[in-house]
């Protein structure tokens, strides 16, 4: 068993103001996107640089934060939905924690679509450029979860198990690290390699939905389900249900992209 490194979740605090590692991870994710998006040939072709890129990052940040918070309440807090209806200010209490990747994804899609319409840019081209960099933020976010000692794994006896402060006296999988490596590093390498190929717009988004969904679905078997929900159908977690939807939508999008590309080629011929 490995000793859990109890890192203070707060980098520093000035009065009521706290700067937390988790928030910094979000910031680093957006900075990575800002520097890596222009390095893709596709982004230069559609003019996704300079002020336009800065505007896009701002829109995505708002969409992700709003979507992630609302997604957490809708997907993971529905047993207490009446509480949020009676206390609506709790919905915006981001400092208390509670963000959902799937909600953040939906929020980012909406923000990206509105941005593309405003700037008259091809939505799928913009989305492909952004989605390649998304795993960096996802991986860093899981590191933030690890520092917070949250979203820990299930009880196990593997040699690298850890006892988390909020996980009781039992050794558990450090599932946040598994996810940081899988949803972060592995997914980024895969998408960054694919973006170098001449793929039709929308392809990278489809691959992201499929690959992330598969990786997260598998890793959820090592992660402790949310206590307020538990297992669904006696074996699956809410994350796995949402990831199954992602995988299906990814294949649908891939089919759509392929058909659209065939039509465009026929028109050119």
C-alpha atoms as a PDB file:
ATOM      1  CA  UNK A   1       0.000   0.000   0.000  1.00  0.00           C
ATOM      2  CA  UNK A   2       1.175   3.559  -0.795  1.00  0.00           C
ATOM      3  CA  UNK A   3       0.666   6.441   1.617  1.00  0.00           C
ATOM      4  CA  UNK A   4      -1.697   9.068   0.254  1.00  0.00           C
ATOM      5  CA  UNK A   5       0.235  12.366  -0.108  1.00  0.00           C
ATOM      6  CA  UNK A   6      -1.981  14.791   1.780  1.00  0.00           C
ATOM      7  CA  UNK A   7      -1.480  17.992  -0.210  1.00  0.00           C
ATOM      8  CA  UNK A   8      -3.300  21.114   0.929  1.00  0.00           C
ATOM      9  CA  UNK A   9      -6.048  21.731  -1.680  1.00  0.00           C
ATOM     10  CA  UNK A  10      -5.512  25.484  -1.134  1.00  0.00           C
ATOM     11  CA  UNK A  11      -2.381  26.972  -2.655  1.00  0.00           C
ATOM     12  CA  UNK A  12      -2.866  30.069  -0.523  1.00  0.00           C
ATOM     13  CA  UNK A  13      -5.668  31.951   1.178  1.00  0.00           C
ATOM     14  CA  UNK A  14      -6.208  35.661   1.770  1.00  0.00           C
ATOM     15  CA  UNK A  15      -9.163  36.161   4.093  1.00  0.00           C
ATOM     16  CA  UNK A  16     -12.176  34.395   2.565  1.00  0.00           C
ATOM     17  CA  UNK A  17     -10.449  34.190  -0.829  1.00  0.00           C
ATOM     18  CA  UNK A  18      -8.945  30.779  -1.564  1.00  0.00           C
ATOM     19  CA  UNK A  19      -6.818  29.836  -4.542  1.00  0.00           C
ATOM     20  CA  UNK A  20      -7.204  26.090  -4.976  1.00  0.00           C
ATOM     21  CA  UNK A  21      -5.180  23.598  -6.982  1.00  0.00           C
ATOM     22  CA  UNK A  22      -8.375  22.384  -8.676  1.00  0.00           C
ATOM     23  CA  UNK A  23      -9.119  25.845 -10.060  1.00  0.00           C
ATOM     24  CA  UNK A  24      -5.530  26.262 -11.214  1.00  0.00           C
ATOM     25  CA  UNK A  25      -5.818  22.969 -13.113  1.00  0.00           C
ATOM     26  CA  UNK A  26      -8.774  24.408 -15.054  1.00  0.00           C
ATOM     27  CA  UNK A  27      -6.704  27.513 -15.842  1.00  0.00           C
ATOM     28  CA  UNK A  28      -3.737  25.448 -17.029  1.00  0.00           C
ATOM     29  CA  UNK A  29      -6.068  23.424 -19.255  1.00  0.00           C
ATOM     30  CA  UNK A  30      -7.323  26.569 -20.984  1.00  0.00           C
ATOM     31  CA  UNK A  31      -3.771  27.903 -21.342  1.00  0.00           C
ATOM     32  CA  UNK A  32      -2.727  24.648 -22.988  1.00  0.00           C
ATOM     33  CA  UNK A  33      -5.642  24.948 -25.407  1.00  0.00           C
ATOM     34  CA  UNK A  34      -4.696  28.548 -26.187  1.00  0.00           C
ATOM     35  CA  UNK A  35      -1.121  27.597 -27.143  1.00  0.00           C
ATOM     36  CA  UNK A  36      -1.849  24.283 -28.882  1.00  0.00           C
ATOM     37  CA  UNK A  37      -4.887  25.188 -30.997  1.00  0.00           C
ATOM     38  CA  UNK A  38      -2.873  27.512 -33.316  1.00  0.00           C
ATOM     39  CA  UNK A  39      -0.285  24.758 -33.861  1.00  0.00           C
ATOM     40  CA  UNK A  40      -2.840  22.701 -35.767  1.00  0.00           C
ATOM     41  CA  UNK A  41      -2.955  23.241 -39.519  1.00  0.00           C
ATOM     42  CA  UNK A  42      -6.746  23.088 -39.448  1.00  0.00           C
ATOM     43  CA  UNK A  43      -6.980  26.053 -37.060  1.00  0.00           C
ATOM     44  CA  UNK A  44      -4.785  28.222 -39.281  1.00  0.00           C
ATOM     45  CA  UNK A  45      -6.884  27.352 -42.308  1.00  0.00           C
ATOM     46  CA  UNK A  46     -10.079  28.643 -40.687  1.00  0.00           C
ATOM     47  CA  UNK A  47      -8.448  31.682 -39.056  1.00  0.00           C
ATOM     48  CA  UNK A  48      -8.582  30.450 -35.470  1.00  0.00           C
ATOM     49  CA  UNK A  49      -5.738  32.649 -34.204  1.00  0.00           C
ATOM     50  CA  UNK A  50      -5.104  35.915 -32.358  1.00  0.00           C
ATOM     51  CA  UNK A  51      -8.131  37.812 -31.104  1.00  0.00           C
ATOM     52  CA  UNK A  52     -10.514  35.228 -32.546  1.00  0.00           C
ATOM     53  CA  UNK A  53      -8.850  32.491 -30.513  1.00  0.00           C
ATOM     54  CA  UNK A  54      -8.931  34.595 -27.341  1.00  0.00           C
ATOM     55  CA  UNK A  55     -12.643  35.175 -27.864  1.00  0.00           C
ATOM     56  CA  UNK A  56     -13.193  31.437 -28.383  1.00  0.00           C
ATOM     57  CA  UNK A  57     -11.369  30.515 -25.156  1.00  0.00           C
ATOM     58  CA  UNK A  58     -13.520  32.987 -23.219  1.00  0.00           C
ATOM     59  CA  UNK A  59     -16.742  31.555 -24.660  1.00  0.00           C
ATOM     60  CA  UNK A  60     -15.614  27.998 -23.950  1.00  0.00           C
ATOM     61  CA  UNK A  61     -14.626  28.847 -20.369  1.00  0.00           C
ATOM     62  CA  UNK A  62     -18.081  30.255 -19.641  1.00  0.00           C
ATOM     63  CA  UNK A  63     -19.835  27.367 -21.371  1.00  0.00           C
ATOM     64  CA  UNK A  64     -17.740  24.735 -19.599  1.00  0.00           C
ATOM     65  CA  UNK A  65     -18.166  26.169 -16.099  1.00  0.00           C
ATOM     66  CA  UNK A  66     -21.908  26.764 -16.443  1.00  0.00           C
ATOM     67  CA  UNK A  67     -22.485  23.408 -18.118  1.00  0.00           C
ATOM     68  CA  UNK A  68     -20.303  21.480 -15.660  1.00  0.00           C
ATOM     69  CA  UNK A  69     -22.136  22.920 -12.662  1.00  0.00           C
ATOM     70  CA  UNK A  70     -25.635  22.444 -14.079  1.00  0.00           C
ATOM     71  CA  UNK A  71     -24.682  18.978 -15.313  1.00  0.00           C
ATOM     72  CA  UNK A  72     -23.542  17.990 -11.829  1.00  0.00           C
ATOM     73  CA  UNK A  73     -26.876  19.056 -10.352  1.00  0.00           C
ATOM     74  CA  UNK A  74     -28.981  17.411 -13.068  1.00  0.00           C
ATOM     75  CA  UNK A  75     -26.983  14.175 -13.513  1.00  0.00           C
ATOM     76  CA  UNK A  76     -25.584  13.555 -10.041  1.00  0.00           C
ATOM     77  CA  UNK A  77     -27.737  15.495  -7.587  1.00  0.00           C
ATOM     78  CA  UNK A  78     -31.219  14.709  -8.820  1.00  0.00           C
ATOM     79  CA  UNK A  79     -32.152  13.002  -5.486  1.00  0.00           C
ATOM     80  CA  UNK A  80     -31.716  16.476  -3.941  1.00  0.00           C
ATOM     81  CA  UNK A  81     -33.129  18.493  -6.822  1.00  0.00           C
ATOM     82  CA  UNK A  82     -35.853  19.897  -4.581  1.00  0.00           C
ATOM     83  CA  UNK A  83     -33.111  21.335  -2.338  1.00  0.00           C
ATOM     84  CA  UNK A  84     -31.696  23.405  -5.205  1.00  0.00           C
ATOM     85  CA  UNK A  85     -35.165  24.602  -6.128  1.00  0.00           C
ATOM     86  CA  UNK A  86     -35.613  25.935  -2.600  1.00  0.00           C
ATOM     87  CA  UNK A  87     -32.048  27.288  -2.417  1.00  0.00           C
ATOM     88  CA  UNK A  88     -31.202  28.499  -5.956  1.00  0.00           C
ATOM     89  CA  UNK A  89     -28.075  30.355  -4.785  1.00  0.00           C
ATOM     90  CA  UNK A  90     -26.514  26.950  -4.066  1.00  0.00           C
ATOM     91  CA  UNK A  91     -26.492  26.337  -7.816  1.00  0.00           C
ATOM     92  CA  UNK A  92     -23.787  28.974  -8.276  1.00  0.00           C
ATOM     93  CA  UNK A  93     -21.805  27.951  -5.169  1.00  0.00           C
ATOM     94  CA  UNK A  94     -18.869  26.666  -7.203  1.00  0.00           C
ATOM     95  CA  UNK A  95     -16.501  26.959  -4.231  1.00  0.00           C
ATOM     96  CA  UNK A  96     -18.355  24.076  -2.570  1.00  0.00           C
ATOM     97  CA  UNK A  97     -17.360  21.736  -5.397  1.00  0.00           C
ATOM     98  CA  UNK A  98     -19.421  19.655  -7.750  1.00  0.00           C
ATOM     99  CA  UNK A  99     -18.666  19.725 -11.495  1.00  0.00           C
ATOM    100  CA  UNK A 100     -19.664  17.225 -14.175  1.00  0.00           C
ATOM    101  CA  UNK A 101     -17.546  16.474 -17.245  1.00  0.00           C
ATOM    102  CA  UNK A 102     -20.580  15.531 -19.325  1.00  0.00           C
ATOM    103  CA  UNK A 103     -22.344  18.754 -18.369  1.00  0.00           C
ATOM    104  CA  UNK A 104     -19.202  20.723 -19.163  1.00  0.00           C
ATOM    105  CA  UNK A 105     -19.024  19.018 -22.558  1.00  0.00           C
ATOM    106  CA  UNK A 106     -22.597  20.030 -23.370  1.00  0.00           C
ATOM    107  CA  UNK A 107     -21.942  23.584 -22.198  1.00  0.00           C
ATOM    108  CA  UNK A 108     -18.809  23.810 -24.329  1.00  0.00           C
ATOM    109  CA  UNK A 109     -20.666  22.520 -27.388  1.00  0.00           C
ATOM    110  CA  UNK A 110     -23.370  25.172 -26.995  1.00  0.00           C
ATOM    111  CA  UNK A 111     -20.789  27.912 -26.434  1.00  0.00           C
ATOM    112  CA  UNK A 112     -18.695  26.746 -29.402  1.00  0.00           C
ATOM    113  CA  UNK A 113     -21.749  26.648 -31.663  1.00  0.00           C
ATOM    114  CA  UNK A 114     -22.832  30.177 -30.702  1.00  0.00           C
ATOM    115  CA  UNK A 115     -19.266  31.429 -31.137  1.00  0.00           C
ATOM    116  CA  UNK A 116     -18.978  29.835 -34.590  1.00  0.00           C
ATOM    117  CA  UNK A 117     -22.269  31.415 -35.678  1.00  0.00           C
ATOM    118  CA  UNK A 118     -21.174  34.815 -34.380  1.00  0.00           C
ATOM    119  CA  UNK A 119     -17.823  34.662 -36.176  1.00  0.00           C
ATOM    120  CA  UNK A 120     -19.166  32.868 -39.296  1.00  0.00           C
ATOM    121  CA  UNK A 121     -16.731  29.993 -38.806  1.00  0.00           C
ATOM    122  CA  UNK A 122     -17.326  26.301 -39.610  1.00  0.00           C
ATOM    123  CA  UNK A 123     -18.562  24.761 -36.351  1.00  0.00           C
ATOM    124  CA  UNK A 124     -17.133  21.276 -36.925  1.00  0.00           C
ATOM    125  CA  UNK A 125     -13.766  22.706 -37.936  1.00  0.00           C
ATOM    126  CA  UNK A 126     -13.630  24.791 -34.764  1.00  0.00           C
ATOM    127  CA  UNK A 127     -14.809  21.858 -32.661  1.00  0.00           C
ATOM    128  CA  UNK A 128     -12.117  19.548 -34.060  1.00  0.00           C
ATOM    129  CA  UNK A 129      -9.383  22.056 -33.226  1.00  0.00           C
ATOM    130  CA  UNK A 130     -10.615  22.443 -29.660  1.00  0.00           C
ATOM    131  CA  UNK A 131     -11.368  18.810 -28.870  1.00  0.00           C
ATOM    132  CA  UNK A 132      -7.782  17.732 -29.581  1.00  0.00           C
ATOM    133  CA  UNK A 133      -6.588  19.833 -26.635  1.00  0.00           C
ATOM    134  CA  UNK A 134      -9.437  18.904 -24.274  1.00  0.00           C
ATOM    135  CA  UNK A 135      -7.692  15.820 -22.777  1.00  0.00           C
ATOM    136  CA  UNK A 136      -5.015  18.058 -21.257  1.00  0.00           C
ATOM    137  CA  UNK A 137      -7.595  19.861 -19.158  1.00  0.00           C
ATOM    138  CA  UNK A 138      -9.308  16.573 -18.345  1.00  0.00           C
ATOM    139  CA  UNK A 139      -6.063  14.998 -17.150  1.00  0.00           C
ATOM    140  CA  UNK A 140      -5.145  18.036 -15.050  1.00  0.00           C
ATOM    141  CA  UNK A 141      -8.655  18.084 -13.602  1.00  0.00           C
ATOM    142  CA  UNK A 142      -8.214  14.490 -12.398  1.00  0.00           C
ATOM    143  CA  UNK A 143      -4.951  15.503 -10.738  1.00  0.00           C
ATOM    144  CA  UNK A 144      -6.979  18.210  -8.980  1.00  0.00           C
ATOM    145  CA  UNK A 145      -9.482  15.563  -7.861  1.00  0.00           C
ATOM    146  CA  UNK A 146      -6.587  13.523  -6.470  1.00  0.00           C
ATOM    147  CA  UNK A 147      -5.231  16.489  -4.508  1.00  0.00           C
ATOM    148  CA  UNK A 148      -8.728  17.131  -3.123  1.00  0.00           C
ATOM    149  CA  UNK A 149      -8.977  13.473  -2.097  1.00  0.00           C
ATOM    150  CA  UNK A 150     -12.288  13.144  -3.938  1.00  0.00           C
ATOM    151  CA  UNK A 151     -13.704  10.773  -6.554  1.00  0.00           C
ATOM    152  CA  UNK A 152     -11.506   8.006  -5.166  1.00  0.00           C
ATOM    153  CA  UNK A 153     -11.636   4.380  -6.226  1.00  0.00           C
ATOM    154  CA  UNK A 154     -13.212   1.232  -4.887  1.00  0.00           C
ATOM    155  CA  UNK A 155     -11.776  -0.880  -2.092  1.00  0.00           C
ATOM    156  CA  UNK A 156      -8.881  -3.062  -3.253  1.00  0.00           C
ATOM    157  CA  UNK A 157      -5.746  -4.880  -2.117  1.00  0.00           C
ATOM    158  CA  UNK A 158      -3.464  -3.937  -5.015  1.00  0.00           C
ATOM    159  CA  UNK A 159       0.047  -2.879  -3.912  1.00  0.00           C
ATOM    160  CA  UNK A 160      -0.498   0.739  -5.002  1.00  0.00           C
ATOM    161  CA  UNK A 161      -3.776   1.183  -3.102  1.00  0.00           C
ATOM    162  CA  UNK A 162      -4.195   4.258  -0.893  1.00  0.00           C
ATOM    163  CA  UNK A 163      -6.280   5.214   2.124  1.00  0.00           C
ATOM    164  CA  UNK A 164      -8.026   8.473   1.274  1.00  0.00           C
ATOM    165  CA  UNK A 165      -9.012  10.851   4.105  1.00  0.00           C
ATOM    166  CA  UNK A 166     -12.696  10.767   3.143  1.00  0.00           C
ATOM    167  CA  UNK A 167     -12.753   7.145   2.005  1.00  0.00           C
ATOM    168  CA  UNK A 168     -12.809   5.431   5.372  1.00  0.00           C
ATOM    169  CA  UNK A 169     -10.088   3.130   6.768  1.00  0.00           C
ATOM    170  CA  UNK A 170      -9.945   0.893   3.684  1.00  0.00           C
ATOM    171  CA  UNK A 171      -7.291   0.982   0.926  1.00  0.00           C
ATOM    172  CA  UNK A 172      -8.731   2.073  -2.425  1.00  0.00           C
ATOM    173  CA  UNK A 173      -7.774   2.388  -6.072  1.00  0.00           C
ATOM    174  CA  UNK A 174      -6.250   5.816  -6.860  1.00  0.00           C
ATOM    175  CA  UNK A 175      -8.743   5.991  -9.725  1.00  0.00           C
ATOM    176  CA  UNK A 176      -8.115   9.709 -10.259  1.00  0.00           C
ATOM    177  CA  UNK A 177      -4.594   8.830 -11.426  1.00  0.00           C
ATOM    178  CA  UNK A 178      -5.944   6.097 -13.701  1.00  0.00           C
ATOM    179  CA  UNK A 179      -8.277   8.656 -15.275  1.00  0.00           C
ATOM    180  CA  UNK A 180      -5.555  11.308 -15.547  1.00  0.00           C
ATOM    181  CA  UNK A 181      -3.452   8.856 -17.546  1.00  0.00           C
ATOM    182  CA  UNK A 182      -6.305   7.403 -19.597  1.00  0.00           C
ATOM    183  CA  UNK A 183      -8.664  10.343 -20.215  1.00  0.00           C
ATOM    184  CA  UNK A 184      -5.743  12.747 -20.214  1.00  0.00           C
ATOM    185  CA  UNK A 185      -2.394  11.519 -21.509  1.00  0.00           C
ATOM    186  CA  UNK A 186      -3.480   8.525 -23.610  1.00  0.00           C
ATOM    187  CA  UNK A 187      -6.436  10.339 -25.193  1.00  0.00           C
ATOM    188  CA  UNK A 188      -4.332  13.430 -25.962  1.00  0.00           C
ATOM    189  CA  UNK A 189      -1.610  11.400 -27.696  1.00  0.00           C
ATOM    190  CA  UNK A 190      -4.253   9.583 -29.747  1.00  0.00           C
ATOM    191  CA  UNK A 191      -6.094  12.725 -30.875  1.00  0.00           C
ATOM    192  CA  UNK A 192      -2.909  14.726 -31.489  1.00  0.00           C
ATOM    193  CA  UNK A 193      -1.695  11.949 -33.761  1.00  0.00           C
ATOM    194  CA  UNK A 194      -5.004  11.812 -35.631  1.00  0.00           C
ATOM    195  CA  UNK A 195      -5.196  15.594 -36.136  1.00  0.00           C
ATOM    196  CA  UNK A 196      -2.128  15.408 -38.363  1.00  0.00           C
ATOM    197  CA  UNK A 197      -4.138  13.412 -40.883  1.00  0.00           C
ATOM    198  CA  UNK A 198      -6.388  14.989 -43.491  1.00  0.00           C
ATOM    199  CA  UNK A 199      -9.700  14.009 -41.878  1.00  0.00           C
ATOM    200  CA  UNK A 200     -13.088  15.556 -42.700  1.00  0.00           C
ATOM    201  CA  UNK A 201     -14.382  18.159 -40.233  1.00  0.00           C
ATOM    202  CA  UNK A 202     -16.184  16.487 -37.356  1.00  0.00           C
ATOM    203  CA  UNK A 203     -14.071  13.326 -37.410  1.00  0.00           C
ATOM    204  CA  UNK A 204     -11.950  14.280 -34.406  1.00  0.00           C
ATOM    205  CA  UNK A 205     -15.062  15.135 -32.396  1.00  0.00           C
ATOM    206  CA  UNK A 206     -16.474  11.712 -33.201  1.00  0.00           C
ATOM    207  CA  UNK A 207     -13.242   9.970 -32.204  1.00  0.00           C
ATOM    208  CA  UNK A 208     -13.132  11.983 -28.988  1.00  0.00           C
ATOM    209  CA  UNK A 209     -16.658  10.910 -28.032  1.00  0.00           C
ATOM    210  CA  UNK A 210     -15.890   7.264 -28.799  1.00  0.00           C
ATOM    211  CA  UNK A 211     -12.425   7.015 -27.243  1.00  0.00           C
ATOM    212  CA  UNK A 212     -13.259   9.032 -24.140  1.00  0.00           C
ATOM    213  CA  UNK A 213     -16.464   7.078 -23.663  1.00  0.00           C
ATOM    214  CA  UNK A 214     -14.674   3.729 -23.901  1.00  0.00           C
ATOM    215  CA  UNK A 215     -11.794   4.747 -21.616  1.00  0.00           C
ATOM    216  CA  UNK A 216     -14.047   6.311 -18.987  1.00  0.00           C
ATOM    217  CA  UNK A 217     -16.528   3.399 -19.123  1.00  0.00           C
ATOM    218  CA  UNK A 218     -13.723   0.943 -18.376  1.00  0.00           C
ATOM    219  CA  UNK A 219     -12.111   3.035 -15.626  1.00  0.00           C
ATOM    220  CA  UNK A 220     -15.453   3.532 -13.889  1.00  0.00           C
ATOM    221  CA  UNK A 221     -15.182  -0.099 -12.735  1.00  0.00           C
ATOM    222  CA  UNK A 222     -12.337   1.045 -10.463  1.00  0.00           C
ATOM    223  CA  UNK A 223     -14.069   4.201  -9.211  1.00  0.00           C
ATOM    224  CA  UNK A 224     -16.404   4.372  -6.249  1.00  0.00           C
ATOM    225  CA  UNK A 225     -19.905   5.323  -7.452  1.00  0.00           C
ATOM    226  CA  UNK A 226     -21.468   8.517  -6.142  1.00  0.00           C
ATOM    227  CA  UNK A 227     -23.076   7.665  -2.778  1.00  0.00           C
ATOM    228  CA  UNK A 228     -26.282   9.602  -3.465  1.00  0.00           C
ATOM    229  CA  UNK A 229     -26.887   7.512  -6.601  1.00  0.00           C
ATOM    230  CA  UNK A 230     -25.019   4.234  -6.151  1.00  0.00           C
ATOM    231  CA  UNK A 231     -25.197   1.601  -8.867  1.00  0.00           C
ATOM    232  CA  UNK A 232     -27.738   1.729 -11.697  1.00  0.00           C
ATOM    233  CA  UNK A 233     -29.209  -1.623 -12.748  1.00  0.00           C
ATOM    234  CA  UNK A 234     -27.148  -3.094  -9.931  1.00  0.00           C
ATOM    235  CA  UNK A 235     -23.787  -2.846 -11.719  1.00  0.00           C
ATOM    236  CA  UNK A 236     -23.316   0.375 -13.716  1.00  0.00           C
ATOM    237  CA  UNK A 237     -22.529   3.897 -12.530  1.00  0.00           C
ATOM    238  CA  UNK A 238     -24.074   7.118 -13.782  1.00  0.00           C
ATOM    239  CA  UNK A 239     -20.762   7.876 -15.494  1.00  0.00           C
ATOM    240  CA  UNK A 240     -20.984   4.637 -17.470  1.00  0.00           C
ATOM    241  CA  UNK A 241     -24.561   5.373 -18.551  1.00  0.00           C
ATOM    242  CA  UNK A 242     -23.521   8.812 -19.803  1.00  0.00           C
ATOM    243  CA  UNK A 243     -20.404   7.386 -21.496  1.00  0.00           C
ATOM    244  CA  UNK A 244     -22.497   4.781 -23.315  1.00  0.00           C
ATOM    245  CA  UNK A 245     -24.556   7.649 -24.727  1.00  0.00           C
ATOM    246  CA  UNK A 246     -21.331   9.378 -25.788  1.00  0.00           C
ATOM    247  CA  UNK A 247     -20.074   6.284 -27.606  1.00  0.00           C
ATOM    248  CA  UNK A 248     -23.355   5.877 -29.497  1.00  0.00           C
ATOM    249  CA  UNK A 249     -23.404   9.569 -30.467  1.00  0.00           C
ATOM    250  CA  UNK A 250     -19.763   9.305 -31.534  1.00  0.00           C
ATOM    251  CA  UNK A 251     -20.505   6.496 -33.991  1.00  0.00           C
ATOM    252  CA  UNK A 252     -23.567   8.363 -35.285  1.00  0.00           C
ATOM    253  CA  UNK A 253     -21.421  11.469 -35.852  1.00  0.00           C
ATOM    254  CA  UNK A 254     -18.721   9.399 -37.561  1.00  0.00           C
ATOM    255  CA  UNK A 255     -21.338   7.932 -39.920  1.00  0.00           C
ATOM    256  CA  UNK A 256     -22.721  11.423 -40.599  1.00  0.00           C
ATOM    257  CA  UNK A 257     -19.253  12.817 -41.345  1.00  0.00           C
ATOM    258  CA  UNK A 258     -18.487   9.936 -43.703  1.00  0.00           C
ATOM    259  CA  UNK A 259     -21.762  10.344 -45.619  1.00  0.00           C
ATOM    260  CA  UNK A 260     -21.351  14.126 -45.837  1.00  0.00           C
ATOM    261  CA  UNK A 261     -17.818  13.742 -47.165  1.00  0.00           C
ATOM    262  CA  UNK A 262     -18.980  11.273 -49.821  1.00  0.00           C
ATOM    263  CA  UNK A 263     -21.622  13.747 -50.965  1.00  0.00           C
ATOM    264  CA  UNK A 264     -19.083  16.590 -51.155  1.00  0.00           C
ATOM    265  CA  UNK A 265     -16.697  14.439 -53.214  1.00  0.00           C
ATOM    266  CA  UNK A 266     -19.482  13.541 -55.665  1.00  0.00           C
ATOM    267  CA  UNK A 267     -20.327  17.238 -56.053  1.00  0.00           C
ATOM    268  CA  UNK A 268     -16.664  18.034 -56.760  1.00  0.00           C
ATOM    269  CA  UNK A 269     -16.400  15.224 -59.317  1.00  0.00           C
END
